[in-house]
Amino acid sequence: MFIPPANDLLLDYLTSALQKSGHRAKAARLVSRTLLHIHTSTRAPPMPIVREAFLAASPAVKLGSHKYGTKSLQVPYALTEKQRVHAGVKAVLAASESRPGKSVDIRLARELIGVLQGESKAIVEKERLHKLAMVNR
């Protein structure tokens, strides 16, 4: 069953991230089924869960390499809102690859719920990145 998601920028961005070889309709179906799985698992509206999960998995900084003489140092840079969303979507999609489940939509739904419960590789990666940024500031 395909229910097109409401026009939402975050869902459009997630659809673009899932899209492969120009198959946007297929990616939109994956996003729609992900929302359906989240709704059936939590019995709550899926959009607030999706927004909160991506916000929780989004890092605030990135590390750039800066060369001083012969040394190469990691320098933290603040991310804009769009860059944060991009990094959060990438982190959640990468972490969902290791989740059990046959299809992408089930793995992604479990990962988004796992982010909110605090048991996600995306959260661990964000904390690691922030810790490195604090050490190298």
N, C-alpha and C. Protein backbone atom coordinates (compact mmCIF):
# COMPACT_ATOMS: atom_id res chain seq x y z
N MET A 1 0.85 -1.17 0.00
CA MET A 1 0.00 0.00 0.00
C MET A 1 0.90 1.24 0.00
N PHE A 2 0.66 2.14 -0.93
CA PHE A 2 1.46 3.35 -1.05
C PHE A 2 0.61 4.56 -0.69
N ILE A 3 0.98 5.21 0.40
CA ILE A 3 0.34 6.45 0.81
C ILE A 3 1.39 7.53 0.67
N PRO A 4 1.21 8.46 -0.27
CA PRO A 4 2.24 9.48 -0.44
C PRO A 4 2.33 10.35 0.81
N PRO A 5 3.56 10.57 1.30
CA PRO A 5 3.71 11.41 2.49
C PRO A 5 3.35 12.86 2.20
N ALA A 6 2.99 13.56 3.26
CA ALA A 6 2.66 14.98 3.12
C ALA A 6 3.89 15.74 2.64
N ASN A 7 3.65 16.88 2.00
CA ASN A 7 4.78 17.68 1.53
C ASN A 7 5.54 18.22 2.74
N ASP A 8 6.68 17.66 2.97
CA ASP A 8 7.51 18.03 4.10
C ASP A 8 8.95 18.05 3.63
N LEU A 9 9.69 19.08 3.99
CA LEU A 9 11.06 19.21 3.51
C LEU A 9 11.97 18.10 4.03
N LEU A 10 11.77 17.69 5.28
CA LEU A 10 12.60 16.62 5.83
C LEU A 10 12.33 15.29 5.10
N LEU A 11 11.07 15.02 4.81
CA LEU A 11 10.74 13.78 4.09
C LEU A 11 11.25 13.84 2.65
N ASP A 12 11.18 15.02 2.03
CA ASP A 12 11.73 15.16 0.69
C ASP A 12 13.24 14.93 0.70
N TYR A 13 13.89 15.42 1.73
CA TYR A 13 15.34 15.24 1.84
C TYR A 13 15.68 13.77 2.08
N LEU A 14 14.89 13.11 2.93
CA LEU A 14 15.11 11.68 3.18
C LEU A 14 14.87 10.88 1.91
N THR A 15 13.86 11.25 1.15
CA THR A 15 13.59 10.58 -0.13
C THR A 15 14.76 10.75 -1.08
N SER A 16 15.31 11.95 -1.14
CA SER A 16 16.47 12.19 -2.01
C SER A 16 17.68 11.38 -1.56
N ALA A 17 17.85 11.22 -0.26
CA ALA A 17 18.99 10.45 0.25
C ALA A 17 18.83 8.96 -0.06
N LEU A 18 17.60 8.47 -0.07
CA LEU A 18 17.34 7.06 -0.36
C LEU A 18 17.30 6.75 -1.85
N GLN A 19 17.13 7.78 -2.66
CA GLN A 19 16.97 7.61 -4.10
C GLN A 19 18.23 7.06 -4.74
N LYS A 20 18.05 6.06 -5.60
CA LYS A 20 19.18 5.49 -6.34
C LYS A 20 18.83 5.45 -7.82
N SER A 21 19.73 5.89 -8.64
CA SER A 21 19.59 5.84 -10.10
C SER A 21 18.32 6.52 -10.60
N GLY A 22 17.89 7.58 -9.94
CA GLY A 22 16.75 8.35 -10.41
C GLY A 22 15.39 7.76 -10.10
N HIS A 23 15.31 6.72 -9.30
CA HIS A 23 14.03 6.08 -8.98
C HIS A 23 13.41 6.76 -7.75
N ARG A 24 12.88 7.96 -7.96
CA ARG A 24 12.33 8.74 -6.85
C ARG A 24 11.04 8.15 -6.31
N ALA A 25 10.20 7.61 -7.17
CA ALA A 25 8.94 7.03 -6.72
C ALA A 25 9.19 5.84 -5.80
N LYS A 26 10.20 5.07 -6.12
CA LYS A 26 10.56 3.92 -5.28
C LYS A 26 11.04 4.39 -3.91
N ALA A 27 11.84 5.45 -3.89
CA ALA A 27 12.33 6.01 -2.63
C ALA A 27 11.17 6.60 -1.82
N ALA A 28 10.21 7.23 -2.50
CA ALA A 28 9.05 7.79 -1.81
C ALA A 28 8.21 6.68 -1.18
N ARG A 29 8.11 5.53 -1.84
CA ARG A 29 7.40 4.38 -1.27
C ARG A 29 8.12 3.88 -0.02
N LEU A 30 9.46 3.86 -0.06
CA LEU A 30 10.23 3.43 1.11
C LEU A 30 9.98 4.36 2.31
N VAL A 31 9.96 5.66 2.05
CA VAL A 31 9.70 6.63 3.12
C VAL A 31 8.29 6.45 3.66
N SER A 32 7.32 6.25 2.78
CA SER A 32 5.94 6.05 3.20
C SER A 32 5.80 4.79 4.05
N ARG A 33 6.44 3.71 3.63
CA ARG A 33 6.38 2.46 4.41
C ARG A 33 7.13 2.60 5.73
N THR A 34 8.19 3.39 5.75
CA THR A 34 8.91 3.64 7.00
C THR A 34 8.00 4.35 7.99
N LEU A 35 7.27 5.36 7.51
CA LEU A 35 6.33 6.08 8.38
C LEU A 35 5.24 5.14 8.89
N LEU A 36 4.78 4.23 8.04
CA LEU A 36 3.76 3.26 8.44
C LEU A 36 4.31 2.31 9.51
N HIS A 37 5.54 1.85 9.35
CA HIS A 37 6.15 0.95 10.35
C HIS A 37 6.34 1.67 11.68
N ILE A 38 6.73 2.93 11.63
CA ILE A 38 6.89 3.70 12.87
C ILE A 38 5.55 3.85 13.56
N HIS A 39 4.51 4.13 12.79
CA HIS A 39 3.18 4.30 13.37
C HIS A 39 2.68 3.00 13.99
N THR A 40 2.88 1.87 13.31
CA THR A 40 2.40 0.59 13.86
C THR A 40 3.22 0.16 15.08
N SER A 41 4.49 0.52 15.12
CA SER A 41 5.33 0.12 16.26
C SER A 41 5.05 0.96 17.51
N THR A 42 4.78 2.24 17.31
CA THR A 42 4.65 3.14 18.47
C THR A 42 3.22 3.58 18.75
N ARG A 43 2.32 3.38 17.82
CA ARG A 43 0.93 3.85 17.95
C ARG A 43 0.87 5.35 18.20
N ALA A 44 1.78 6.07 17.57
CA ALA A 44 1.83 7.53 17.69
C ALA A 44 2.03 8.11 16.29
N PRO A 45 1.74 9.39 16.11
CA PRO A 45 2.00 10.00 14.80
C PRO A 45 3.48 9.90 14.47
N PRO A 46 3.83 9.50 13.26
CA PRO A 46 5.23 9.24 12.94
C PRO A 46 6.08 10.50 12.71
N MET A 47 5.49 11.58 12.25
CA MET A 47 6.30 12.75 11.90
C MET A 47 7.06 13.37 13.09
N PRO A 48 6.42 13.55 14.26
CA PRO A 48 7.21 14.08 15.39
C PRO A 48 8.35 13.14 15.78
N ILE A 49 8.15 11.84 15.65
CA ILE A 49 9.19 10.87 15.97
C ILE A 49 10.35 11.00 15.00
N VAL A 50 10.03 11.14 13.71
CA VAL A 50 11.07 11.27 12.69
C VAL A 50 11.88 12.56 12.90
N ARG A 51 11.19 13.66 13.15
CA ARG A 51 11.88 14.94 13.36
C ARG A 51 12.80 14.88 14.58
N GLU A 52 12.27 14.36 15.68
CA GLU A 52 13.05 14.29 16.91
C GLU A 52 14.25 13.36 16.75
N ALA A 53 14.06 12.25 16.03
CA ALA A 53 15.17 11.31 15.83
C ALA A 53 16.28 11.93 15.00
N PHE A 54 15.95 12.60 13.91
CA PHE A 54 16.98 13.23 13.10
C PHE A 54 17.67 14.38 13.84
N LEU A 55 16.91 15.10 14.65
CA LEU A 55 17.51 16.17 15.45
C LEU A 55 18.48 15.59 16.48
N ALA A 56 18.11 14.47 17.09
CA ALA A 56 18.97 13.84 18.10
C ALA A 56 20.23 13.25 17.48
N ALA A 57 20.17 12.82 16.23
CA ALA A 57 21.32 12.18 15.58
C ALA A 57 22.19 13.18 14.82
N SER A 58 21.79 14.44 14.77
CA SER A 58 22.53 15.43 14.00
C SER A 58 23.64 16.06 14.82
N PRO A 59 24.88 15.98 14.35
CA PRO A 59 25.98 16.62 15.08
C PRO A 59 25.95 18.14 14.88
N ALA A 60 26.53 18.86 15.82
CA ALA A 60 26.57 20.31 15.74
C ALA A 60 27.86 20.81 15.11
N VAL A 61 28.88 19.95 15.05
CA VAL A 61 30.19 20.34 14.53
C VAL A 61 30.71 19.28 13.57
N LYS A 62 31.69 19.71 12.78
CA LYS A 62 32.44 18.76 11.96
C LYS A 62 33.92 19.04 12.19
N LEU A 63 34.73 18.06 11.93
CA LEU A 63 36.17 18.23 12.11
C LEU A 63 36.82 18.38 10.75
N GLY A 64 37.58 19.45 10.61
CA GLY A 64 38.33 19.68 9.39
C GLY A 64 39.81 19.58 9.69
N SER A 65 40.58 19.19 8.72
CA SER A 65 42.01 19.06 8.91
C SER A 65 42.68 20.38 8.54
N HIS A 66 43.54 20.84 9.44
CA HIS A 66 44.24 22.09 9.21
C HIS A 66 45.73 21.85 9.44
N LYS A 67 46.54 22.28 8.52
CA LYS A 67 47.97 21.99 8.60
C LYS A 67 48.74 23.19 9.15
N TYR A 68 49.46 22.96 10.24
CA TYR A 68 50.37 23.95 10.83
C TYR A 68 51.79 23.41 10.68
N GLY A 69 52.53 23.93 9.74
CA GLY A 69 53.90 23.44 9.49
C GLY A 69 53.86 22.00 9.04
N THR A 70 54.44 21.12 9.83
CA THR A 70 54.42 19.69 9.48
C THR A 70 53.30 18.95 10.19
N LYS A 71 52.65 19.62 11.16
CA LYS A 71 51.56 18.98 11.90
C LYS A 71 50.25 19.13 11.15
N SER A 72 49.43 18.11 11.25
CA SER A 72 48.07 18.17 10.72
C SER A 72 47.11 18.06 11.90
N LEU A 73 46.35 19.13 12.17
CA LEU A 73 45.47 19.18 13.33
C LEU A 73 44.01 19.08 12.90
N GLN A 74 43.21 18.49 13.77
CA GLN A 74 41.77 18.44 13.57
C GLN A 74 41.15 19.69 14.19
N VAL A 75 40.46 20.49 13.40
CA VAL A 75 39.86 21.73 13.88
C VAL A 75 38.34 21.61 13.76
N PRO A 76 37.60 21.85 14.86
CA PRO A 76 36.14 21.77 14.78
C PRO A 76 35.53 23.00 14.11
N TYR A 77 34.54 22.78 13.27
CA TYR A 77 33.79 23.84 12.61
C TYR A 77 32.31 23.65 12.92
N ALA A 78 31.61 24.74 13.19
CA ALA A 78 30.17 24.68 13.44
C ALA A 78 29.44 24.40 12.13
N LEU A 79 28.37 23.63 12.21
CA LEU A 79 27.56 23.31 11.04
C LEU A 79 26.32 24.20 10.98
N THR A 80 25.89 24.53 9.75
CA THR A 80 24.62 25.23 9.58
C THR A 80 23.49 24.23 9.78
N GLU A 81 22.27 24.73 9.83
CA GLU A 81 21.12 23.86 10.05
C GLU A 81 20.98 22.82 8.93
N LYS A 82 21.19 23.26 7.69
CA LYS A 82 21.07 22.35 6.56
C LYS A 82 22.16 21.28 6.60
N GLN A 83 23.37 21.68 6.98
CA GLN A 83 24.47 20.72 7.10
C GLN A 83 24.21 19.73 8.23
N ARG A 84 23.60 20.20 9.31
CA ARG A 84 23.27 19.31 10.43
C ARG A 84 22.26 18.26 9.99
N VAL A 85 21.23 18.68 9.27
CA VAL A 85 20.22 17.73 8.80
C VAL A 85 20.86 16.72 7.87
N HIS A 86 21.70 17.18 6.97
CA HIS A 86 22.38 16.28 6.03
C HIS A 86 23.22 15.25 6.78
N ALA A 87 23.99 15.71 7.78
CA ALA A 87 24.84 14.80 8.55
C ALA A 87 24.00 13.83 9.37
N GLY A 88 22.87 14.29 9.90
CA GLY A 88 21.99 13.42 10.67
C GLY A 88 21.35 12.34 9.82
N VAL A 89 20.90 12.71 8.63
CA VAL A 89 20.29 11.74 7.71
C VAL A 89 21.33 10.70 7.29
N LYS A 90 22.54 11.17 6.96
CA LYS A 90 23.61 10.24 6.58
C LYS A 90 23.95 9.28 7.71
N ALA A 91 24.02 9.79 8.93
CA ALA A 91 24.38 8.95 10.08
C ALA A 91 23.30 7.91 10.36
N VAL A 92 22.03 8.31 10.28
CA VAL A 92 20.94 7.37 10.55
C VAL A 92 20.88 6.31 9.45
N LEU A 93 21.05 6.70 8.19
CA LEU A 93 21.02 5.73 7.10
C LEU A 93 22.20 4.76 7.20
N ALA A 94 23.37 5.26 7.57
CA ALA A 94 24.53 4.38 7.72
C ALA A 94 24.33 3.42 8.89
N ALA A 95 23.77 3.89 9.99
CA ALA A 95 23.54 3.03 11.15
C ALA A 95 22.44 2.02 10.89
N SER A 96 21.48 2.36 10.04
CA SER A 96 20.38 1.43 9.76
C SER A 96 20.84 0.24 8.91
N GLU A 97 21.99 0.39 8.23
CA GLU A 97 22.50 -0.71 7.42
C GLU A 97 22.85 -1.92 8.28
N SER A 98 23.27 -1.69 9.53
CA SER A 98 23.67 -2.80 10.39
C SER A 98 22.50 -3.37 11.20
N ARG A 99 21.33 -2.79 11.08
CA ARG A 99 20.16 -3.30 11.80
C ARG A 99 19.67 -4.60 11.17
N PRO A 100 19.08 -5.49 11.98
CA PRO A 100 18.49 -6.69 11.39
C PRO A 100 17.19 -6.34 10.67
N GLY A 101 16.91 -7.05 9.63
CA GLY A 101 15.70 -6.81 8.84
C GLY A 101 16.02 -6.94 7.37
N LYS A 102 15.05 -7.41 6.63
CA LYS A 102 15.30 -7.68 5.22
C LYS A 102 15.17 -6.43 4.35
N SER A 103 14.20 -5.58 4.67
CA SER A 103 13.97 -4.42 3.80
C SER A 103 14.45 -3.13 4.45
N VAL A 104 14.71 -2.16 3.61
CA VAL A 104 15.25 -0.87 4.05
C VAL A 104 14.26 -0.15 4.94
N ASP A 105 12.99 -0.20 4.61
CA ASP A 105 12.00 0.55 5.38
C ASP A 105 11.88 0.04 6.82
N ILE A 106 11.95 -1.26 7.02
CA ILE A 106 11.88 -1.81 8.38
C ILE A 106 13.13 -1.44 9.17
N ARG A 107 14.30 -1.57 8.53
CA ARG A 107 15.56 -1.22 9.22
C ARG A 107 15.59 0.26 9.58
N LEU A 108 15.14 1.11 8.66
CA LEU A 108 15.15 2.55 8.92
C LEU A 108 14.18 2.92 10.04
N ALA A 109 13.00 2.31 10.05
CA ALA A 109 12.02 2.57 11.12
C ALA A 109 12.58 2.13 12.47
N ARG A 110 13.22 0.96 12.52
CA ARG A 110 13.81 0.49 13.78
C ARG A 110 14.94 1.40 14.23
N GLU A 111 15.70 1.90 13.28
CA GLU A 111 16.81 2.79 13.63
C GLU A 111 16.29 4.11 14.19
N LEU A 112 15.25 4.68 13.58
CA LEU A 112 14.70 5.95 14.06
C LEU A 112 14.13 5.80 15.46
N ILE A 113 13.46 4.67 15.72
CA ILE A 113 12.94 4.42 17.06
C ILE A 113 14.11 4.19 18.03
N GLY A 114 15.15 3.49 17.57
CA GLY A 114 16.32 3.25 18.40
C GLY A 114 17.06 4.53 18.76
N VAL A 115 17.08 5.49 17.86
CA VAL A 115 17.72 6.78 18.15
C VAL A 115 17.03 7.45 19.32
N LEU A 116 15.70 7.42 19.34
CA LEU A 116 14.96 8.05 20.43
C LEU A 116 15.14 7.29 21.74
N GLN A 117 15.36 5.98 21.66
CA GLN A 117 15.57 5.20 22.87
C GLN A 117 17.02 5.24 23.33
N GLY A 118 17.90 5.84 22.52
CA GLY A 118 19.29 5.98 22.90
C GLY A 118 20.16 4.79 22.59
N GLU A 119 19.68 3.85 21.81
CA GLU A 119 20.45 2.65 21.48
C GLU A 119 20.72 2.59 19.97
N SER A 120 21.50 3.54 19.51
CA SER A 120 21.79 3.63 18.09
C SER A 120 23.26 3.93 17.86
N LYS A 121 23.79 3.41 16.77
CA LYS A 121 25.17 3.71 16.40
C LYS A 121 25.31 5.16 15.96
N ALA A 122 24.23 5.76 15.47
CA ALA A 122 24.28 7.17 15.06
C ALA A 122 24.52 8.07 16.28
N ILE A 123 23.91 7.75 17.40
CA ILE A 123 24.11 8.53 18.63
C ILE A 123 25.54 8.36 19.13
N VAL A 124 26.06 7.13 19.08
CA VAL A 124 27.43 6.87 19.52
C VAL A 124 28.42 7.64 18.66
N GLU A 125 28.17 7.66 17.34
CA GLU A 125 29.06 8.39 16.42
C GLU A 125 29.01 9.90 16.69
N LYS A 126 27.82 10.42 16.97
CA LYS A 126 27.68 11.85 17.26
C LYS A 126 28.44 12.21 18.54
N GLU A 127 28.30 11.38 19.57
CA GLU A 127 29.01 11.64 20.82
C GLU A 127 30.52 11.57 20.63
N ARG A 128 30.99 10.62 19.82
CA ARG A 128 32.42 10.49 19.54
C ARG A 128 32.94 11.74 18.83
N LEU A 129 32.18 12.22 17.85
CA LEU A 129 32.57 13.41 17.10
C LEU A 129 32.61 14.64 18.00
N HIS A 130 31.63 14.80 18.88
CA HIS A 130 31.59 15.94 19.78
C HIS A 130 32.73 15.88 20.79
N LYS A 131 33.06 14.66 21.25
CA LYS A 131 34.16 14.52 22.20
C LYS A 131 35.49 14.91 21.53
N LEU A 132 35.69 14.47 20.28
CA LEU A 132 36.90 14.85 19.54
C LEU A 132 36.96 16.36 19.32
N ALA A 133 35.81 16.96 19.04
CA ALA A 133 35.77 18.41 18.82
C ALA A 133 36.12 19.17 20.10
N MET A 134 35.66 18.67 21.25
CA MET A 134 35.98 19.35 22.51
C MET A 134 37.46 19.22 22.85
N VAL A 135 38.06 18.08 22.53
CA VAL A 135 39.47 17.89 22.81
C VAL A 135 40.32 18.80 21.91
N ASN A 136 39.92 18.98 20.67
CA ASN A 136 40.72 19.71 19.69
C ASN A 136 40.31 21.16 19.48
N ARG A 137 39.54 21.73 20.36
CA ARG A 137 39.10 23.11 20.14
C ARG A 137 40.16 24.12 20.43
